[in-house]
Amino acid sequence: MNFTEYKSNKEGNMLTFEVINELTLKVTCEGNDTLIAKAGAFIAGENPGGKNYTFEKMLLGPGGSIGQALLGQLVRRVAGENIPLMKVHLNGASTTYYANYGQHVVVYKLAPGETVSVESENILAFTNDCDYSVRFLGVGVLSQKGLATTTLVGRGNNAYVALLSDGNPLVVSNVKSRDTLAVDPDAVICWFSKNGMGDPQIKADISWKTFIGQASGESYSFEWSGNEPVTLLVQPSERGGGIRVSVD
């Protein structure tokens, strides 16, 4: 699995995703296309002649119809996976740049039917060939994270996604080894799977020590068995979310 620069051709239109100095996404457009990005992530742009790209805030988020978009927004708000997005309309040759508070940027191309399940805050940008939705992983877990995830599914030959990481990310995979994988939900960026499969089991390790302040700090995890081939992207930083159960 390679995370690198990708180019896409689509009937004369072209988008190029390229990471600059690990911290910036460079999007080169030749033709007319639309990019979906985290609102406010644009930092610079250049093009011949007058400015030929515009920004449009997505009030309801991606969705096939108004009804679907409204339902999707409701689900995202309930699940805590709602992020402000914008459409970037690219009308001709241009180069635009995107970043988010100095976070590292990773670019990946999804194959048709391939799914990336990603924390919403780790999304920087994606193309229109990605289907965007939110789904629930489980209930009853003592964490603000881990109940739901944002999914992007490749539905064409131009499904590109740019992800954010606090520091250089670690790639862990059991596709060849079939090993059991475990990861802290507050450190995981995303996982890649085929046909929407590969969701983790959510494990909680809570005992009486948790309530007297003797917990290890690793009370819950995402786990994949060797029968669930998956590739994970993990950042070397934990989010502030989640619950810490103890007694002073």
Protein backbone atom coordinates (compact mmCIF):
# COMPACT_ATOMS: atom_id res chain seq x y z
CA MET A 1 0.00 0.00 0.00
CA ASN A 2 1.63 3.22 -1.16
CA PHE A 3 0.94 6.70 0.19
CA THR A 4 2.43 9.08 -2.37
CA GLU A 5 1.64 11.45 -5.23
CA TYR A 6 -1.29 10.48 -7.46
CA LYS A 7 -2.53 11.77 -10.80
CA SER A 8 -5.97 11.20 -12.25
CA ASN A 9 -7.23 11.49 -15.81
CA LYS A 10 -10.93 11.92 -16.55
CA GLU A 11 -11.91 12.76 -20.12
CA GLY A 12 -9.31 15.50 -20.47
CA ASN A 13 -9.62 16.75 -16.89
CA MET A 14 -6.81 16.11 -14.47
CA LEU A 15 -6.27 16.49 -10.76
CA THR A 16 -2.87 15.95 -9.18
CA PHE A 17 -2.55 15.37 -5.43
CA GLU A 18 0.95 15.98 -4.10
CA VAL A 19 2.31 16.42 -0.58
CA ILE A 20 4.72 19.36 -0.16
CA ASN A 21 7.21 19.30 2.75
CA GLU A 22 5.00 16.73 4.53
CA LEU A 23 2.64 19.48 5.73
CA THR A 24 0.81 20.83 2.67
CA LEU A 25 -1.46 19.35 0.02
CA LYS A 26 -0.84 20.67 -3.49
CA VAL A 27 -3.75 20.19 -5.90
CA THR A 28 -3.02 20.84 -9.57
CA CYS A 29 -6.03 21.04 -11.89
CA GLU A 30 -6.02 20.98 -15.69
CA GLY A 31 -9.60 21.40 -16.88
CA ASN A 32 -12.75 21.68 -14.76
CA ASP A 33 -13.26 19.74 -11.56
CA THR A 34 -14.52 20.01 -7.98
CA LEU A 35 -12.67 19.27 -4.77
CA ILE A 36 -14.21 18.80 -1.33
CA ALA A 37 -12.00 20.09 1.49
CA LYS A 38 -12.07 20.94 5.16
CA ALA A 39 -13.53 24.44 5.46
CA GLY A 40 -10.77 27.02 5.89
CA ALA A 41 -7.98 24.66 4.79
CA PHE A 42 -7.04 26.72 1.68
CA ILE A 43 -3.76 28.59 2.18
CA ALA A 44 -2.66 29.70 -1.32
CA GLY A 45 -3.38 29.42 -5.02
CA GLU A 46 -2.05 30.39 -8.45
CA ASN A 47 -3.36 30.33 -12.00
CA PRO A 48 -2.86 32.14 -15.33
CA GLY A 49 -5.15 35.09 -15.94
CA GLY A 50 -7.91 35.97 -13.51
CA LYS A 51 -8.60 33.79 -10.49
CA ASN A 52 -10.57 30.80 -11.78
CA TYR A 53 -11.43 28.88 -8.60
CA THR A 54 -14.13 29.61 -6.03
CA PHE A 55 -15.19 28.28 -2.63
CA GLU A 56 -18.66 27.26 -1.51
CA LYS A 57 -19.52 26.26 2.07
CA MET A 58 -21.41 22.98 2.25
CA LEU A 59 -24.26 23.69 4.63
CA LEU A 60 -25.57 20.12 4.69
CA GLY A 61 -22.50 18.16 3.71
CA PRO A 62 -22.18 15.64 0.86
CA GLY A 63 -25.35 13.83 -0.14
CA GLY A 64 -27.19 12.72 -3.23
CA SER A 65 -30.35 14.71 -2.47
CA ILE A 66 -31.51 17.32 0.05
CA GLY A 67 -33.20 14.59 2.08
CA GLN A 68 -30.07 12.44 2.14
CA ALA A 69 -27.91 15.45 3.00
CA LEU A 70 -30.20 16.44 5.90
CA LEU A 71 -30.24 12.89 7.25
CA GLY A 72 -26.49 12.66 6.87
CA GLN A 73 -25.95 15.91 8.77
CA LEU A 74 -28.20 14.69 11.61
CA VAL A 75 -26.33 11.38 11.87
CA ARG A 76 -22.96 13.16 11.85
CA ARG A 77 -24.02 15.53 14.63
CA VAL A 78 -25.37 12.72 16.80
CA ALA A 79 -22.26 10.64 16.20
CA GLY A 80 -19.84 13.52 16.82
CA GLU A 81 -18.43 13.10 13.30
CA ASN A 82 -19.62 16.41 11.87
CA ILE A 83 -16.96 18.61 10.26
CA PRO A 84 -17.37 21.81 8.26
CA LEU A 85 -16.66 21.15 4.58
CA MET A 86 -16.41 23.33 1.49
CA LYS A 87 -16.53 22.75 -2.26
CA VAL A 88 -13.66 24.14 -4.31
CA HIS A 89 -14.83 24.76 -7.88
CA LEU A 90 -11.81 24.55 -10.18
CA ASN A 91 -12.53 26.14 -13.57
CA GLY A 92 -9.40 25.72 -15.65
CA ALA A 93 -5.70 25.31 -15.01
CA SER A 94 -4.78 26.15 -11.43
CA THR A 95 -2.69 25.10 -8.46
CA THR A 96 -4.14 25.38 -4.97
CA TYR A 97 -2.65 24.51 -1.57
CA TYR A 98 -4.31 23.21 1.61
CA ALA A 99 -3.09 22.62 5.17
CA ASN A 100 -4.36 22.42 8.74
CA TYR A 101 -2.37 23.83 11.68
CA GLY A 102 0.92 22.26 10.60
CA GLN A 103 -0.38 18.69 10.64
CA HIS A 104 1.25 16.10 8.38
CA VAL A 105 -0.59 15.25 5.16
CA VAL A 106 -0.99 11.78 3.64
CA VAL A 107 -2.45 11.14 0.17
CA TYR A 108 -4.08 7.89 -0.95
CA LYS A 109 -6.05 6.67 -3.98
CA LEU A 110 -9.01 4.38 -3.28
CA ALA A 111 -9.68 1.54 -5.69
CA PRO A 112 -13.32 1.09 -6.80
CA GLY A 113 -15.18 -0.43 -3.85
CA GLU A 114 -12.30 0.16 -1.42
CA THR A 115 -13.28 1.82 1.86
CA VAL A 116 -11.38 4.04 4.25
CA SER A 117 -12.91 4.48 7.70
CA VAL A 118 -11.49 7.69 9.14
CA GLU A 119 -11.93 10.04 12.06
CA SER A 120 -13.65 13.12 10.65
CA GLU A 121 -11.07 15.51 12.12
CA ASN A 122 -8.36 13.71 10.11
CA ILE A 123 -9.93 14.51 6.72
CA LEU A 124 -8.29 17.30 4.73
CA ALA A 125 -9.74 16.81 1.23
CA PHE A 126 -11.24 14.28 -1.17
CA THR A 127 -12.55 14.12 -4.73
CA ASN A 128 -16.10 13.67 -6.00
CA ASP A 129 -15.36 10.03 -6.80
CA CYS A 130 -15.51 9.27 -3.07
CA ASP A 131 -18.88 8.43 -1.48
CA TYR A 132 -19.05 10.07 1.96
CA SER A 133 -21.12 8.75 4.88
CA VAL A 134 -21.09 8.05 8.63
CA ARG A 135 -21.81 4.70 10.24
CA PHE A 136 -21.93 3.40 13.82
CA LEU A 137 -19.43 0.81 15.01
CA GLY A 138 -21.05 -0.13 18.31
CA VAL A 139 -22.66 1.04 21.54
CA GLY A 140 -21.85 0.90 25.22
CA VAL A 141 -18.18 1.80 24.92
CA LEU A 142 -16.76 4.14 27.57
CA SER A 143 -15.27 6.61 25.13
CA GLN A 144 -16.27 9.72 23.25
CA LYS A 145 -14.55 8.13 20.27
CA GLY A 146 -15.12 4.75 18.76
CA LEU A 147 -18.91 4.79 18.48
CA ALA A 148 -18.99 6.01 14.90
CA THR A 149 -16.69 6.59 11.98
CA THR A 150 -16.72 8.54 8.73
CA THR A 151 -16.38 6.40 5.62
CA LEU A 152 -15.16 7.25 2.14
CA VAL A 153 -15.77 4.62 -0.55
CA GLY A 154 -14.13 4.67 -3.97
CA ARG A 155 -16.76 4.61 -6.71
CA GLY A 156 -14.65 5.54 -9.73
CA ASN A 157 -11.13 5.78 -11.05
CA ASN A 158 -10.46 9.18 -9.47
CA ALA A 159 -11.16 8.56 -5.77
CA TYR A 160 -8.42 10.45 -3.94
CA VAL A 161 -8.30 11.36 -0.28
CA ALA A 162 -5.87 13.53 1.69
CA LEU A 163 -5.63 12.73 5.40
CA LEU A 164 -4.18 14.61 8.38
CA SER A 165 -1.85 13.26 11.06
CA ASP A 166 -0.34 14.78 14.21
CA GLY A 167 3.23 13.84 13.32
CA ASN A 168 4.49 11.30 10.80
CA PRO A 169 2.01 8.40 10.83
CA LEU A 170 2.71 4.71 11.33
CA VAL A 171 1.37 2.17 8.81
CA VAL A 172 0.40 -1.20 10.34
CA SER A 173 -1.06 -4.06 8.29
CA ASN A 174 -1.97 -7.72 8.72
CA VAL A 175 -2.90 -8.26 5.07
CA LYS A 176 0.11 -10.55 4.56
CA SER A 177 0.97 -11.61 8.11
CA ARG A 178 -2.60 -12.25 9.33
CA ASP A 179 -1.48 -11.12 12.78
CA THR A 180 -3.88 -9.75 15.40
CA LEU A 181 -3.75 -5.94 15.46
CA ALA A 182 -4.65 -3.65 18.35
CA VAL A 183 -4.63 0.15 18.37
CA ASP A 184 -5.65 2.96 20.70
CA PRO A 185 -8.85 4.53 19.30
CA ASP A 186 -7.53 7.96 20.26
CA ALA A 187 -4.44 7.45 18.06
CA VAL A 188 -5.96 5.73 15.02
CA ILE A 189 -6.41 7.91 11.93
CA CYS A 190 -8.11 5.40 9.66
CA TRP A 191 -8.24 1.85 8.38
CA PHE A 192 -8.51 0.59 4.81
CA SER A 193 -10.62 -2.42 3.84
CA LYS A 194 -12.36 -4.01 0.86
CA ASN A 195 -16.11 -3.73 0.31
CA GLY A 196 -16.76 -2.07 3.66
CA MET A 197 -15.49 -5.02 5.68
CA GLY A 198 -12.84 -4.88 8.41
CA ASP A 199 -14.51 -2.98 11.26
CA PRO A 200 -12.71 -3.56 14.57
CA GLN A 201 -13.89 -5.28 17.70
CA ILE A 202 -14.05 -2.77 20.53
CA LYS A 203 -12.34 -4.14 23.62
CA ALA A 204 -12.65 -2.65 27.12
CA ASP A 205 -10.28 -3.58 29.94
CA ILE A 206 -11.87 -2.09 33.04
CA SER A 207 -11.39 -3.53 36.53
CA TRP A 208 -11.47 -2.39 40.14
CA LYS A 209 -8.02 -0.84 39.64
CA THR A 210 -9.56 1.60 37.18
CA PHE A 211 -11.67 3.13 39.94
CA ILE A 212 -8.81 3.64 42.41
CA GLY A 213 -6.53 5.39 39.98
CA GLN A 214 -4.34 2.37 39.20
CA ALA A 215 -5.37 1.93 35.56
CA SER A 216 -2.69 1.58 32.91
CA GLY A 217 -4.26 4.31 30.78
CA GLU A 218 -5.00 1.76 28.05
CA SER A 219 -8.50 0.71 29.12
CA TYR A 220 -9.97 0.24 25.66
CA SER A 221 -8.75 -0.60 22.17
CA PHE A 222 -9.72 -1.44 18.63
CA GLU A 223 -8.73 -4.99 17.64
CA TRP A 224 -8.65 -6.90 14.35
CA SER A 225 -8.08 -10.66 14.17
CA GLY A 226 -5.97 -12.38 11.57
CA ASN A 227 -9.15 -13.25 9.67
CA GLU A 228 -9.82 -9.55 9.08
CA PRO A 229 -7.18 -8.24 6.67
CA VAL A 230 -6.82 -4.51 7.22
CA THR A 231 -4.28 -1.71 6.94
CA LEU A 232 -4.17 0.96 9.66
CA LEU A 233 -2.80 4.48 9.72
CA VAL A 234 -1.87 5.55 13.27
CA GLN A 235 -0.60 8.94 14.44
CA PRO A 236 2.06 9.33 17.18
CA SER A 237 -0.33 11.41 19.26
CA GLU A 238 -3.50 10.68 21.20
CA ARG A 239 -6.62 12.83 21.05
CA GLY A 240 -8.02 14.40 24.20
CA GLY A 241 -11.31 12.50 23.72
CA GLY A 242 -12.36 9.43 25.64
CA ILE A 243 -13.22 8.92 29.27
CA ARG A 244 -10.77 8.52 32.13
CA VAL A 245 -12.36 6.63 35.02
CA SER A 246 -10.59 6.92 38.38
CA VAL A 247 -10.93 8.05 41.98
CA ASP A 248 -8.48 10.55 43.51
